Amino acid sequence: MKKNISSILARILIGEASRDDNQEFSYWIGASSANEHSFNKIKELWQLNFRQKKIETTPDIRTALSFRLNAVKEASVSVPRIFHLWRIAAVLFFVMSIATGVLLYVEGNKTWQSMTVSTEAGQRTMTVLPDGSKVWLNGNTSLVLAEGSSRVVKLDGEAFFDVTHDKRHPFIVETSDYKVKVLGTKFNVCTYAKDDVLRTTLVEGAVELIDKDDRSLLLKPGYEASLIRNGKQFKLKKIDLTEVTGWREGKLIFKSTPFKEFVKRLEHWYGVEFSYNENDFQNIHYTGTMDNLRLENLMEYLSLTLSIDYKIDNNNVILTKRED
């Protein structure tokens, strides 16, 4: 839906539309038969489920609405304005839910259906889940709230989690090769589909990693567990947490990082692919901090410091080792 049209429809449904609302609505519904058809369907569902009921802003509705609005807003998509009256917000939630098929409240019973938040290359975002947990998403990342639960998510990419404590309902992050199970803690998970190695790093609290064979590993704060894709055993190492969490502040921090891993992080950050001969760079380790650098500026800097020649061809960066 276009900017503000969801909120206008909400006010029309409850009879609180202004003259400007009615004018914009007339323009919108007259723009296409698809718009008219969409409104008729929304109105029909509204009359079936809400017309005879008092609209109540329960905590579930407020939390779900906040998740939806935060997710869309942080992903730089146009969102309706949040109104001062929760009555209008509840209707707005209904309109957005019907329009997107994300959430559905029927007869006052809550059913969580699949919700997705995603980012593009170079984009980072933060959203709040229905249970109050906060999640920061790195570029090229997709987070899916699993159907039927507000404490189970599926991740492809990289995300930092600050999980709300709930002893009775563990929070679970599902990746392609293992699950991360927590009660309430802060941790980072990097599990891009194209990566050969998946990583989970614990900042505070405790997490349990469970592989496909139901073997588990308890992770301690300050440690990273890595798993080769389709591998059978986690590898543990002590890690400087700033290397893992700096991306939330727009910084890439490297400390004696092998060149292959260094380049992989650049690929995720800038949404490009690097082409190079691994044998020429296998002995190179990089240490430094990159703070919101443009790709062109970064490559010029690396050319000087690492004796690298480069060529940027659309989304491909070709590297060759320069013989000085």
C-alpha atoms as a PDB file:
ATOM      1  CA  MET A   1       0.000   0.000   0.000  1.00  0.00           C
ATOM      2  CA  LYS A   2       1.110   3.579  -0.713  1.00  0.00           C
ATOM      3  CA  LYS A   3       2.198   6.074   1.892  1.00  0.00           C
ATOM      4  CA  ASN A   4      -0.497   6.656   4.547  1.00  0.00           C
ATOM      5  CA  ILE A   5      -3.241   4.789   2.632  1.00  0.00           C
ATOM      6  CA  SER A   6      -3.394   2.072   5.291  1.00  0.00           C
ATOM      7  CA  SER A   7      -4.019   4.667   8.005  1.00  0.00           C
ATOM      8  CA  ILE A   8      -6.604   6.414   5.844  1.00  0.00           C
ATOM      9  CA  LEU A   9      -8.459   3.133   5.308  1.00  0.00           C
ATOM     10  CA  ALA A  10      -8.366   2.518   9.051  1.00  0.00           C
ATOM     11  CA  ARG A  11      -9.988   5.893   9.788  1.00  0.00           C
ATOM     12  CA  ILE A  12     -12.591   5.332   7.084  1.00  0.00           C
ATOM     13  CA  LEU A  13     -13.550   1.949   8.537  1.00  0.00           C
ATOM     14  CA  ILE A  14     -14.174   3.419  11.994  1.00  0.00           C
ATOM     15  CA  GLY A  15     -15.867   6.577  10.692  1.00  0.00           C
ATOM     16  CA  GLU A  16     -13.168   9.076  11.700  1.00  0.00           C
ATOM     17  CA  ALA A  17     -11.906  10.106   8.271  1.00  0.00           C
ATOM     18  CA  SER A  18     -11.216  13.794   7.621  1.00  0.00           C
ATOM     19  CA  ARG A  19     -12.072  15.712   4.460  1.00  0.00           C
ATOM     20  CA  ASP A  20      -8.465  15.264   3.259  1.00  0.00           C
ATOM     21  CA  ASP A  21      -8.676  11.545   4.044  1.00  0.00           C
ATOM     22  CA  ASN A  22     -11.799  11.178   1.926  1.00  0.00           C
ATOM     23  CA  GLN A  23     -10.211  13.113  -0.923  1.00  0.00           C
ATOM     24  CA  GLU A  24      -7.043  10.983  -0.912  1.00  0.00           C
ATOM     25  CA  PHE A  25      -9.153   7.847  -0.613  1.00  0.00           C
ATOM     26  CA  SER A  26     -11.167   8.893  -3.678  1.00  0.00           C
ATOM     27  CA  TYR A  27      -7.991   9.424  -5.689  1.00  0.00           C
ATOM     28  CA  TRP A  28      -6.568   6.094  -4.546  1.00  0.00           C
ATOM     29  CA  ILE A  29      -9.632   3.937  -5.124  1.00  0.00           C
ATOM     30  CA  GLY A  30     -10.244   5.565  -8.497  1.00  0.00           C
ATOM     31  CA  ALA A  31      -6.691   4.913  -9.652  1.00  0.00           C
ATOM     32  CA  SER A  32      -7.311   1.259 -10.473  1.00  0.00           C
ATOM     33  CA  SER A  33      -9.863  -1.525 -10.242  1.00  0.00           C
ATOM     34  CA  ALA A  34      -7.301  -3.471  -8.174  1.00  0.00           C
ATOM     35  CA  ASN A  35      -7.430  -0.788  -5.465  1.00  0.00           C
ATOM     36  CA  GLU A  36     -11.213  -0.921  -5.404  1.00  0.00           C
ATOM     37  CA  HIS A  37     -11.169  -4.708  -5.212  1.00  0.00           C
ATOM     38  CA  SER A  38      -8.610  -4.632  -2.358  1.00  0.00           C
ATOM     39  CA  PHE A  39     -10.675  -2.195  -0.325  1.00  0.00           C
ATOM     40  CA  ASN A  40     -13.870  -4.176  -0.814  1.00  0.00           C
ATOM     41  CA  LYS A  41     -12.146  -7.300   0.461  1.00  0.00           C
ATOM     42  CA  ILE A  42     -10.725  -5.486   3.493  1.00  0.00           C
ATOM     43  CA  LYS A  43     -14.098  -3.917   4.235  1.00  0.00           C
ATOM     44  CA  GLU A  44     -15.810  -7.296   3.954  1.00  0.00           C
ATOM     45  CA  LEU A  45     -13.388  -8.895   6.411  1.00  0.00           C
ATOM     46  CA  TRP A  46     -13.696  -5.907   8.729  1.00  0.00           C
ATOM     47  CA  GLN A  47     -17.470  -6.185   8.829  1.00  0.00           C
ATOM     48  CA  LEU A  48     -17.294  -9.923   9.487  1.00  0.00           C
ATOM     49  CA  ASN A  49     -14.783  -9.743  12.329  1.00  0.00           C
ATOM     50  CA  PHE A  50     -14.857  -6.304  13.906  1.00  0.00           C
ATOM     51  CA  ARG A  51     -18.005  -4.322  13.162  1.00  0.00           C
ATOM     52  CA  GLN A  52     -20.000  -5.780  16.035  1.00  0.00           C
ATOM     53  CA  LYS A  53     -17.070  -5.767  18.464  1.00  0.00           C
ATOM     54  CA  LYS A  54     -15.418  -3.176  20.622  1.00  0.00           C
ATOM     55  CA  ILE A  55     -11.827  -2.670  19.493  1.00  0.00           C
ATOM     56  CA  GLU A  56      -9.531  -3.331  22.419  1.00  0.00           C
ATOM     57  CA  THR A  57      -5.819  -2.625  22.385  1.00  0.00           C
ATOM     58  CA  THR A  58      -4.568  -5.686  24.197  1.00  0.00           C
ATOM     59  CA  PRO A  59      -0.819  -6.095  24.857  1.00  0.00           C
ATOM     60  CA  ASP A  60      -0.708  -8.721  22.096  1.00  0.00           C
ATOM     61  CA  ILE A  61      -2.056  -6.280  19.525  1.00  0.00           C
ATOM     62  CA  ARG A  62       0.236  -3.488  20.708  1.00  0.00           C
ATOM     63  CA  THR A  63       3.301  -5.753  20.622  1.00  0.00           C
ATOM     64  CA  ALA A  64       2.489  -7.211  17.230  1.00  0.00           C
ATOM     65  CA  LEU A  65       1.771  -3.775  15.777  1.00  0.00           C
ATOM     66  CA  SER A  66       5.057  -2.467  17.142  1.00  0.00           C
ATOM     67  CA  PHE A  67       6.939  -5.388  15.580  1.00  0.00           C
ATOM     68  CA  ARG A  68       5.338  -4.794  12.213  1.00  0.00           C
ATOM     69  CA  LEU A  69       5.921  -1.048  12.235  1.00  0.00           C
ATOM     70  CA  ASN A  70       9.492  -1.301  13.570  1.00  0.00           C
ATOM     71  CA  ALA A  71      10.439  -3.967  11.050  1.00  0.00           C
ATOM     72  CA  VAL A  72       9.079  -2.053   8.083  1.00  0.00           C
ATOM     73  CA  LYS A  73      10.366   1.301   9.258  1.00  0.00           C
ATOM     74  CA  GLU A  74      13.895   0.053   9.976  1.00  0.00           C
ATOM     75  CA  ALA A  75      14.052  -1.608   6.560  1.00  0.00           C
ATOM     76  CA  SER A  76      13.485   1.826   4.967  1.00  0.00           C
ATOM     77  CA  VAL A  77      10.031   0.984   3.624  1.00  0.00           C
ATOM     78  CA  SER A  78       7.223   3.574   3.786  1.00  0.00           C
ATOM     79  CA  VAL A  79       5.027   2.952   6.812  1.00  0.00           C
ATOM     80  CA  PRO A  80       1.813   4.464   8.091  1.00  0.00           C
ATOM     81  CA  ARG A  81       2.058   7.101  10.801  1.00  0.00           C
ATOM     82  CA  ILE A  82       1.452   5.770  14.322  1.00  0.00           C
ATOM     83  CA  PHE A  83      -1.573   7.571  15.674  1.00  0.00           C
ATOM     84  CA  HIS A  84      -2.063   8.813  19.199  1.00  0.00           C
ATOM     85  CA  LEU A  85      -5.212   6.774  19.700  1.00  0.00           C
ATOM     86  CA  TRP A  86      -4.628   3.048  20.153  1.00  0.00           C
ATOM     87  CA  ARG A  87      -8.121   2.509  18.812  1.00  0.00           C
ATOM     88  CA  ILE A  88      -7.008   3.703  15.396  1.00  0.00           C
ATOM     89  CA  ALA A  89      -3.744   1.792  15.748  1.00  0.00           C
ATOM     90  CA  ALA A  90      -5.641  -1.435  16.334  1.00  0.00           C
ATOM     91  CA  VAL A  91      -7.614  -0.919  13.143  1.00  0.00           C
ATOM     92  CA  LEU A  92      -4.442   0.039  11.314  1.00  0.00           C
ATOM     93  CA  PHE A  93      -2.932  -3.236  12.487  1.00  0.00           C
ATOM     94  CA  PHE A  94      -5.929  -5.067  11.045  1.00  0.00           C
ATOM     95  CA  VAL A  95      -5.645  -3.328   7.684  1.00  0.00           C
ATOM     96  CA  MET A  96      -1.902  -3.945   7.410  1.00  0.00           C
ATOM     97  CA  SER A  97      -2.273  -7.559   8.443  1.00  0.00           C
ATOM     98  CA  ILE A  98      -4.963  -8.291   5.887  1.00  0.00           C
ATOM     99  CA  ALA A  99      -3.067  -6.388   3.202  1.00  0.00           C
ATOM    100  CA  THR A 100       0.229  -8.227   3.784  1.00  0.00           C
ATOM    101  CA  GLY A 101      -0.920 -11.573   5.149  1.00  0.00           C
ATOM    102  CA  VAL A 102       1.550 -11.341   7.995  1.00  0.00           C
ATOM    103  CA  LEU A 103      -0.613 -11.602  11.100  1.00  0.00           C
ATOM    104  CA  LEU A 104      -4.174 -12.686  11.708  1.00  0.00           C
ATOM    105  CA  TYR A 105      -6.333 -12.178  14.760  1.00  0.00           C
ATOM    106  CA  VAL A 106      -9.623 -14.069  14.601  1.00  0.00           C
ATOM    107  CA  GLU A 107     -12.310 -13.904  17.283  1.00  0.00           C
ATOM    108  CA  GLY A 108      -9.777 -12.574  19.789  1.00  0.00           C
ATOM    109  CA  ASN A 109      -7.480 -15.628  19.504  1.00  0.00           C
ATOM    110  CA  LYS A 110      -3.865 -14.991  18.547  1.00  0.00           C
ATOM    111  CA  THR A 111      -2.236 -16.983  15.754  1.00  0.00           C
ATOM    112  CA  TRP A 112       1.287 -16.078  14.733  1.00  0.00           C
ATOM    113  CA  GLN A 113       1.950 -16.607  11.077  1.00  0.00           C
ATOM    114  CA  SER A 114       5.259 -16.280   9.300  1.00  0.00           C
ATOM    115  CA  MET A 115       6.780 -12.773   9.414  1.00  0.00           C
ATOM    116  CA  THR A 116       9.931 -11.818   7.548  1.00  0.00           C
ATOM    117  CA  VAL A 117      12.386  -8.953   7.997  1.00  0.00           C
ATOM    118  CA  SER A 118      15.199  -8.679   5.473  1.00  0.00           C
ATOM    119  CA  THR A 119      18.014  -6.342   4.517  1.00  0.00           C
ATOM    120  CA  GLU A 120      19.949  -5.654   1.336  1.00  0.00           C
ATOM    121  CA  ALA A 121      23.694  -5.326   0.903  1.00  0.00           C
ATOM    122  CA  GLY A 122      25.125  -2.462   2.943  1.00  0.00           C
ATOM    123  CA  GLN A 123      21.917  -2.091   4.926  1.00  0.00           C
ATOM    124  CA  ARG A 124      21.647  -2.679   8.660  1.00  0.00           C
ATOM    125  CA  THR A 125      18.505  -2.581  10.742  1.00  0.00           C
ATOM    126  CA  MET A 126      17.098  -3.224  14.205  1.00  0.00           C
ATOM    127  CA  THR A 127      13.676  -4.626  14.977  1.00  0.00           C
ATOM    128  CA  VAL A 128      11.754  -5.690  18.066  1.00  0.00           C
ATOM    129  CA  LEU A 129      10.121  -9.118  18.096  1.00  0.00           C
ATOM    130  CA  PRO A 130       6.673  -9.732  19.620  1.00  0.00           C
ATOM    131  CA  ASP A 131       8.223 -11.053  22.859  1.00  0.00           C
ATOM    132  CA  GLY A 132      10.260  -7.860  23.302  1.00  0.00           C
ATOM    133  CA  SER A 133      13.573  -9.317  22.107  1.00  0.00           C
ATOM    134  CA  LYS A 134      15.697  -6.981  19.991  1.00  0.00           C
ATOM    135  CA  VAL A 135      17.449  -8.109  16.824  1.00  0.00           C
ATOM    136  CA  TRP A 136      20.012  -6.226  14.725  1.00  0.00           C
ATOM    137  CA  LEU A 137      20.338  -7.483  11.134  1.00  0.00           C
ATOM    138  CA  ASN A 138      23.476  -7.086   9.044  1.00  0.00           C
ATOM    139  CA  GLY A 139      23.378  -6.704   5.258  1.00  0.00           C
ATOM    140  CA  ASN A 140      21.974  -9.430   2.993  1.00  0.00           C
ATOM    141  CA  THR A 141      20.137 -11.015   5.918  1.00  0.00           C
ATOM    142  CA  SER A 142      16.700 -12.568   6.292  1.00  0.00           C
ATOM    143  CA  LEU A 143      14.968 -13.229   9.616  1.00  0.00           C
ATOM    144  CA  VAL A 144      11.722 -15.215   9.691  1.00  0.00           C
ATOM    145  CA  LEU A 145       9.473 -15.477  12.716  1.00  0.00           C
ATOM    146  CA  ALA A 146       8.273 -19.074  12.618  1.00  0.00           C
ATOM    147  CA  GLU A 147       4.562 -19.757  12.363  1.00  0.00           C
ATOM    148  CA  GLY A 148       2.825 -20.461  15.663  1.00  0.00           C
ATOM    149  CA  SER A 149       5.495 -19.041  17.994  1.00  0.00           C
ATOM    150  CA  SER A 150       6.926 -15.644  18.883  1.00  0.00           C
ATOM    151  CA  ARG A 151      10.145 -17.240  20.265  1.00  0.00           C
ATOM    152  CA  VAL A 152      11.360 -19.235  17.239  1.00  0.00           C
ATOM    153  CA  VAL A 153      13.139 -17.536  14.334  1.00  0.00           C
ATOM    154  CA  LYS A 154      14.949 -18.728  11.218  1.00  0.00           C
ATOM    155  CA  LEU A 155      18.073 -16.883  10.155  1.00  0.00           C
ATOM    156  CA  ASP A 156      19.978 -16.620   6.894  1.00  0.00           C
ATOM    157  CA  GLY A 157      22.752 -14.063   7.197  1.00  0.00           C
ATOM    158  CA  GLU A 158      24.078 -12.318  10.280  1.00  0.00           C
ATOM    159  CA  ALA A 159      22.201 -10.975  13.297  1.00  0.00           C
ATOM    160  CA  PHE A 160      22.853  -9.846  16.847  1.00  0.00           C
ATOM    161  CA  PHE A 161      20.241 -10.886  19.396  1.00  0.00           C
ATOM    162  CA  ASP A 162      19.342  -9.294  22.733  1.00  0.00           C
ATOM    163  CA  VAL A 163      16.792 -11.828  23.961  1.00  0.00           C
ATOM    164  CA  THR A 164      14.138 -11.102  26.572  1.00  0.00           C
ATOM    165  CA  HIS A 165      14.346 -13.592  29.451  1.00  0.00           C
ATOM    166  CA  ASP A 166      11.525 -16.135  29.626  1.00  0.00           C
ATOM    167  CA  LYS A 167      12.347 -19.224  31.675  1.00  0.00           C
ATOM    168  CA  ARG A 168       9.292 -21.159  30.501  1.00  0.00           C
ATOM    169  CA  HIS A 169       9.733 -20.403  26.801  1.00  0.00           C
ATOM    170  CA  PRO A 170      13.258 -20.810  25.385  1.00  0.00           C
ATOM    171  CA  PHE A 171      14.188 -18.605  22.441  1.00  0.00           C
ATOM    172  CA  ILE A 172      15.429 -20.593  19.436  1.00  0.00           C
ATOM    173  CA  VAL A 173      17.366 -19.445  16.379  1.00  0.00           C
ATOM    174  CA  GLU A 174      17.265 -21.999  13.579  1.00  0.00           C
ATOM    175  CA  THR A 175      20.064 -22.046  11.004  1.00  0.00           C
ATOM    176  CA  SER A 176      20.714 -24.414   8.125  1.00  0.00           C
ATOM    177  CA  ASP A 177      22.994 -26.662  10.207  1.00  0.00           C
ATOM    178  CA  TYR A 178      22.145 -26.158  13.884  1.00  0.00           C
ATOM    179  CA  LYS A 179      19.917 -24.449  16.433  1.00  0.00           C
ATOM    180  CA  VAL A 180      20.783 -21.867  19.074  1.00  0.00           C
ATOM    181  CA  LYS A 181      18.677 -22.268  22.228  1.00  0.00           C
ATOM    182  CA  VAL A 182      18.573 -19.547  24.906  1.00  0.00           C
ATOM    183  CA  LEU A 183      16.456 -18.250  27.781  1.00  0.00           C
ATOM    184  CA  GLY A 184      17.696 -14.668  27.762  1.00  0.00           C
ATOM    185  CA  THR A 185      21.078 -13.433  26.580  1.00  0.00           C
ATOM    186  CA  LYS A 186      23.095 -11.481  24.001  1.00  0.00           C
ATOM    187  CA  PHE A 187      24.805 -13.223  21.113  1.00  0.00           C
ATOM    188  CA  ASN A 188      25.752 -12.954  17.446  1.00  0.00           C
ATOM    189  CA  VAL A 189      25.018 -15.530  14.733  1.00  0.00           C
ATOM    190  CA  CYS A 190      26.632 -15.465  11.280  1.00  0.00           C
ATOM    191  CA  THR A 191      25.180 -18.074   8.929  1.00  0.00           C
ATOM    192  CA  TYR A 192      25.183 -16.800   5.350  1.00  0.00           C
ATOM    193  CA  ALA A 193      24.087 -19.417   2.837  1.00  0.00           C
ATOM    194  CA  LYS A 194      27.229 -18.917   0.726  1.00  0.00           C
ATOM    195  CA  ASP A 195      29.644 -19.252   3.660  1.00  0.00           C
ATOM    196  CA  ASP A 196      31.530 -22.470   4.313  1.00  0.00           C
ATOM    197  CA  VAL A 197      31.708 -21.776   8.058  1.00  0.00           C
ATOM    198  CA  LEU A 198      28.843 -20.862  10.401  1.00  0.00           C
ATOM    199  CA  ARG A 199      29.619 -18.931  13.587  1.00  0.00           C
ATOM    200  CA  THR A 200      27.890 -18.154  16.885  1.00  0.00           C
ATOM    201  CA  THR A 201      29.499 -15.791  19.404  1.00  0.00           C
ATOM    202  CA  LEU A 202      28.233 -15.269  22.950  1.00  0.00           C
ATOM    203  CA  VAL A 203      28.452 -11.819  24.521  1.00  0.00           C
ATOM    204  CA  GLU A 204      26.699 -12.523  27.831  1.00  0.00           C
ATOM    205  CA  GLY A 205      24.487 -15.174  29.418  1.00  0.00           C
ATOM    206  CA  ALA A 206      24.522 -18.716  28.080  1.00  0.00           C
ATOM    207  CA  VAL A 207      23.416 -20.480  24.907  1.00  0.00           C
ATOM    208  CA  GLU A 208      23.127 -24.094  23.872  1.00  0.00           C
ATOM    209  CA  LEU A 209      24.027 -25.117  20.327  1.00  0.00           C
ATOM    210  CA  ILE A 210      22.224 -28.194  18.986  1.00  0.00           C
ATOM    211  CA  ASP A 211      23.297 -29.839  15.732  1.00  0.00           C
ATOM    212  CA  LYS A 212      21.265 -31.982  13.349  1.00  0.00           C
ATOM    213  CA  ASP A 213      22.126 -35.117  15.318  1.00  0.00           C
ATOM    214  CA  ASP A 214      20.842 -33.525  18.562  1.00  0.00           C
ATOM    215  CA  ARG A 215      24.346 -33.213  19.967  1.00  0.00           C
ATOM    216  CA  SER A 216      24.647 -30.083  22.095  1.00  0.00           C
ATOM    217  CA  LEU A 217      27.332 -27.661  23.191  1.00  0.00           C
ATOM    218  CA  LEU A 218      27.133 -24.999  25.910  1.00  0.00           C
ATOM    219  CA  LEU A 219      28.828 -21.760  24.909  1.00  0.00           C
ATOM    220  CA  LYS A 220      30.451 -19.374  27.402  1.00  0.00           C
ATOM    221  CA  PRO A 221      30.644 -15.573  27.100  1.00  0.00           C
ATOM    222  CA  GLY A 222      33.579 -14.350  25.035  1.00  0.00           C
ATOM    223  CA  TYR A 223      33.773 -17.537  22.994  1.00  0.00           C
ATOM    224  CA  GLU A 224      32.894 -18.290  19.392  1.00  0.00           C
ATOM    225  CA  ALA A 225      31.672 -21.655  18.142  1.00  0.00           C
ATOM    226  CA  SER A 226      32.265 -22.324  14.460  1.00  0.00           C
ATOM    227  CA  LEU A 227      31.003 -25.199  12.380  1.00  0.00           C
ATOM    228  CA  ILE A 228      32.036 -26.157   8.873  1.00  0.00           C
ATOM    229  CA  ARG A 229      28.862 -26.452   6.818  1.00  0.00           C
ATOM    230  CA  ASN A 230      27.517 -30.005   7.054  1.00  0.00           C
ATOM    231  CA  GLY A 231      30.269 -30.694   9.585  1.00  0.00           C
ATOM    232  CA  LYS A 232      30.005 -32.857  12.690  1.00  0.00           C
ATOM    233  CA  GLN A 233      31.880 -30.930  15.355  1.00  0.00           C
ATOM    234  CA  PHE A 234      31.948 -27.355  16.653  1.00  0.00           C
ATOM    235  CA  LYS A 235      35.283 -25.604  17.044  1.00  0.00           C
ATOM    236  CA  LEU A 236      35.660 -23.227  19.995  1.00  0.00           C
ATOM    237  CA  LYS A 237      37.935 -20.223  20.367  1.00  0.00           C
ATOM    238  CA  LYS A 238      38.264 -17.176  22.605  1.00  0.00           C
ATOM    239  CA  ILE A 239      37.491 -14.028  20.653  1.00  0.00           C
ATOM    240  CA  ASP A 240      37.633 -10.251  20.959  1.00  0.00           C
ATOM    241  CA  LEU A 241      33.940  -9.370  20.995  1.00  0.00           C
ATOM    242  CA  THR A 242      34.481  -6.012  19.279  1.00  0.00           C
ATOM    243  CA  GLU A 243      35.453  -7.906  16.103  1.00  0.00           C
ATOM    244  CA  VAL A 244      32.033  -9.536  16.054  1.00  0.00           C
ATOM    245  CA  THR A 245      29.734  -6.767  17.273  1.00  0.00           C
ATOM    246  CA  GLY A 246      31.345  -3.681  15.686  1.00  0.00           C
ATOM    247  CA  TRP A 247      29.190  -3.972  12.553  1.00  0.00           C
ATOM    248  CA  ARG A 248      26.157  -2.760  14.529  1.00  0.00           C
ATOM    249  CA  GLU A 249      27.839   0.649  14.738  1.00  0.00           C
ATOM    250  CA  GLY A 250      28.905   0.664  11.101  1.00  0.00           C
ATOM    251  CA  LYS A 251      32.424  -0.567  11.829  1.00  0.00           C
ATOM    252  CA  LEU A 252      34.336  -3.552  10.496  1.00  0.00           C
ATOM    253  CA  ILE A 253      37.050  -4.531  12.967  1.00  0.00           C
ATOM    254  CA  PHE A 254      39.811  -6.975  12.056  1.00  0.00           C
ATOM    255  CA  LYS A 255      42.609  -8.340  14.224  1.00  0.00           C
ATOM    256  CA  SER A 256      45.082 -10.526  12.367  1.00  0.00           C
ATOM    257  CA  THR A 257      42.192 -11.851  10.269  1.00  0.00           C
ATOM    258  CA  PRO A 258      43.111 -14.340   7.503  1.00  0.00           C
ATOM    259  CA  PHE A 259      42.681 -12.805   4.069  1.00  0.00           C
ATOM    260  CA  LYS A 260      39.978 -15.264   2.985  1.00  0.00           C
ATOM    261  CA  GLU A 261      37.817 -14.440   6.021  1.00  0.00           C
ATOM    262  CA  PHE A 262      38.612 -10.741   5.633  1.00  0.00           C
ATOM    263  CA  VAL A 263      37.362 -10.751   2.036  1.00  0.00           C
ATOM    264  CA  LYS A 264      34.253 -12.770   2.938  1.00  0.00           C
ATOM    265  CA  ARG A 265      33.192 -10.120   5.448  1.00  0.00           C
ATOM    266  CA  LEU A 266      33.746  -7.418   2.848  1.00  0.00           C
ATOM    267  CA  GLU A 267      31.519  -9.318   0.420  1.00  0.00           C
ATOM    268  CA  HIS A 268      28.661  -9.374   2.939  1.00  0.00           C
ATOM    269  CA  TRP A 269      29.167  -5.740   3.857  1.00  0.00           C
ATOM    270  CA  TYR A 270      29.309  -4.275   0.361  1.00  0.00           C
ATOM    271  CA  GLY A 271      27.204  -6.820  -1.536  1.00  0.00           C
ATOM    272  CA  VAL A 272      29.962  -7.663  -4.002  1.00  0.00           C
ATOM    273  CA  GLU A 273      32.018 -10.704  -4.941  1.00  0.00           C
ATOM    274  CA  PHE A 274      35.809 -10.780  -4.905  1.00  0.00           C
ATOM    275  CA  SER A 275      37.759 -12.747  -7.497  1.00  0.00           C
ATOM    276  CA  TYR A 276      41.397 -13.565  -6.731  1.00  0.00           C
ATOM    277  CA  ASN A 277      43.959 -16.351  -6.621  1.00  0.00           C
ATOM    278  CA  GLU A 278      43.888 -17.683  -3.065  1.00  0.00           C
ATOM    279  CA  ASN A 279      47.485 -18.906  -3.284  1.00  0.00           C
ATOM    280  CA  ASP A 280      48.691 -15.335  -3.795  1.00  0.00           C
ATOM    281  CA  PHE A 281      47.046 -14.124  -0.587  1.00  0.00           C
ATOM    282  CA  GLN A 282      47.154 -17.116   1.765  1.00  0.00           C
ATOM    283  CA  ASN A 283      49.863 -15.643   3.989  1.00  0.00           C
ATOM    284  CA  ILE A 284      48.194 -12.256   4.395  1.00  0.00           C
ATOM    285  CA  HIS A 285      46.414 -11.333   7.645  1.00  0.00           C
ATOM    286  CA  TYR A 286      44.682  -7.998   8.071  1.00  0.00           C
ATOM    287  CA  THR A 287      44.429  -5.797  11.162  1.00  0.00           C
ATOM    288  CA  GLY A 288      42.468  -2.547  11.146  1.00  0.00           C
ATOM    289  CA  THR A 289      39.126  -0.785  11.569  1.00  0.00           C
ATOM    290  CA  MET A 290      36.908   0.366   8.727  1.00  0.00           C
ATOM    291  CA  ASP A 291      34.346   2.979   9.661  1.00  0.00           C
ATOM    292  CA  ASN A 292      31.614   3.398   6.999  1.00  0.00           C
ATOM    293  CA  LEU A 293      34.073   3.542   4.098  1.00  0.00           C
ATOM    294  CA  ARG A 294      32.853   3.593   0.515  1.00  0.00           C
ATOM    295  CA  LEU A 295      34.010   0.576  -1.474  1.00  0.00           C
ATOM    296  CA  GLU A 296      36.104   2.709  -3.828  1.00  0.00           C
ATOM    297  CA  ASN A 297      37.897   4.398  -0.913  1.00  0.00           C
ATOM    298  CA  LEU A 298      38.491   1.077   0.798  1.00  0.00           C
ATOM    299  CA  MET A 299      40.001  -0.511  -2.276  1.00  0.00           C
ATOM    300  CA  GLU A 300      42.321   2.451  -2.826  1.00  0.00           C
ATOM    301  CA  TYR A 301      43.481   2.159   0.773  1.00  0.00           C
ATOM    302  CA  LEU A 302      44.052  -1.607   0.489  1.00  0.00           C
ATOM    303  CA  SER A 303      45.913  -1.088  -2.764  1.00  0.00           C
ATOM    304  CA  LEU A 304      48.445   1.071  -0.948  1.00  0.00           C
ATOM    305  CA  THR A 305      48.766  -0.942   2.274  1.00  0.00           C
ATOM    306  CA  LEU A 306      48.631  -4.505   0.934  1.00  0.00           C
ATOM    307  CA  SER A 307      50.234  -4.001  -2.491  1.00  0.00           C
ATOM    308  CA  ILE A 308      47.053  -5.039  -4.309  1.00  0.00           C
ATOM    309  CA  ASP A 309      45.868  -4.081  -7.761  1.00  0.00           C
ATOM    310  CA  TYR A 310      42.101  -4.066  -8.177  1.00  0.00           C
ATOM    311  CA  LYS A 311      39.355  -3.555 -10.704  1.00  0.00           C
ATOM    312  CA  ILE A 312      35.709  -2.935  -9.822  1.00  0.00           C
ATOM    313  CA  ASP A 313      33.365  -4.323 -12.468  1.00  0.00           C
ATOM    314  CA  ASN A 314      29.759  -3.765 -11.314  1.00  0.00           C
ATOM    315  CA  ASN A 315      29.354  -6.176  -8.358  1.00  0.00           C
ATOM    316  CA  ASN A 316      32.631  -7.979  -8.959  1.00  0.00           C
ATOM    317  CA  VAL A 317      35.983  -6.880  -7.553  1.00  0.00           C
ATOM    318  CA  ILE A 318      39.046  -8.451  -9.195  1.00  0.00           C
ATOM    319  CA  LEU A 319      42.194  -8.564  -7.091  1.00  0.00           C
ATOM    320  CA  THR A 320      45.760  -9.293  -8.167  1.00  0.00           C
ATOM    321  CA  LYS A 321      48.863  -9.314  -5.994  1.00  0.00           C
ATOM    322  CA  ARG A 322      51.289  -6.614  -7.031  1.00  0.00           C
ATOM    323  CA  GLU A 323      54.929  -7.536  -7.196  1.00  0.00           C
ATOM    324  CA  ASP A 324      56.853  -4.587  -5.755  1.00  0.00           C
END
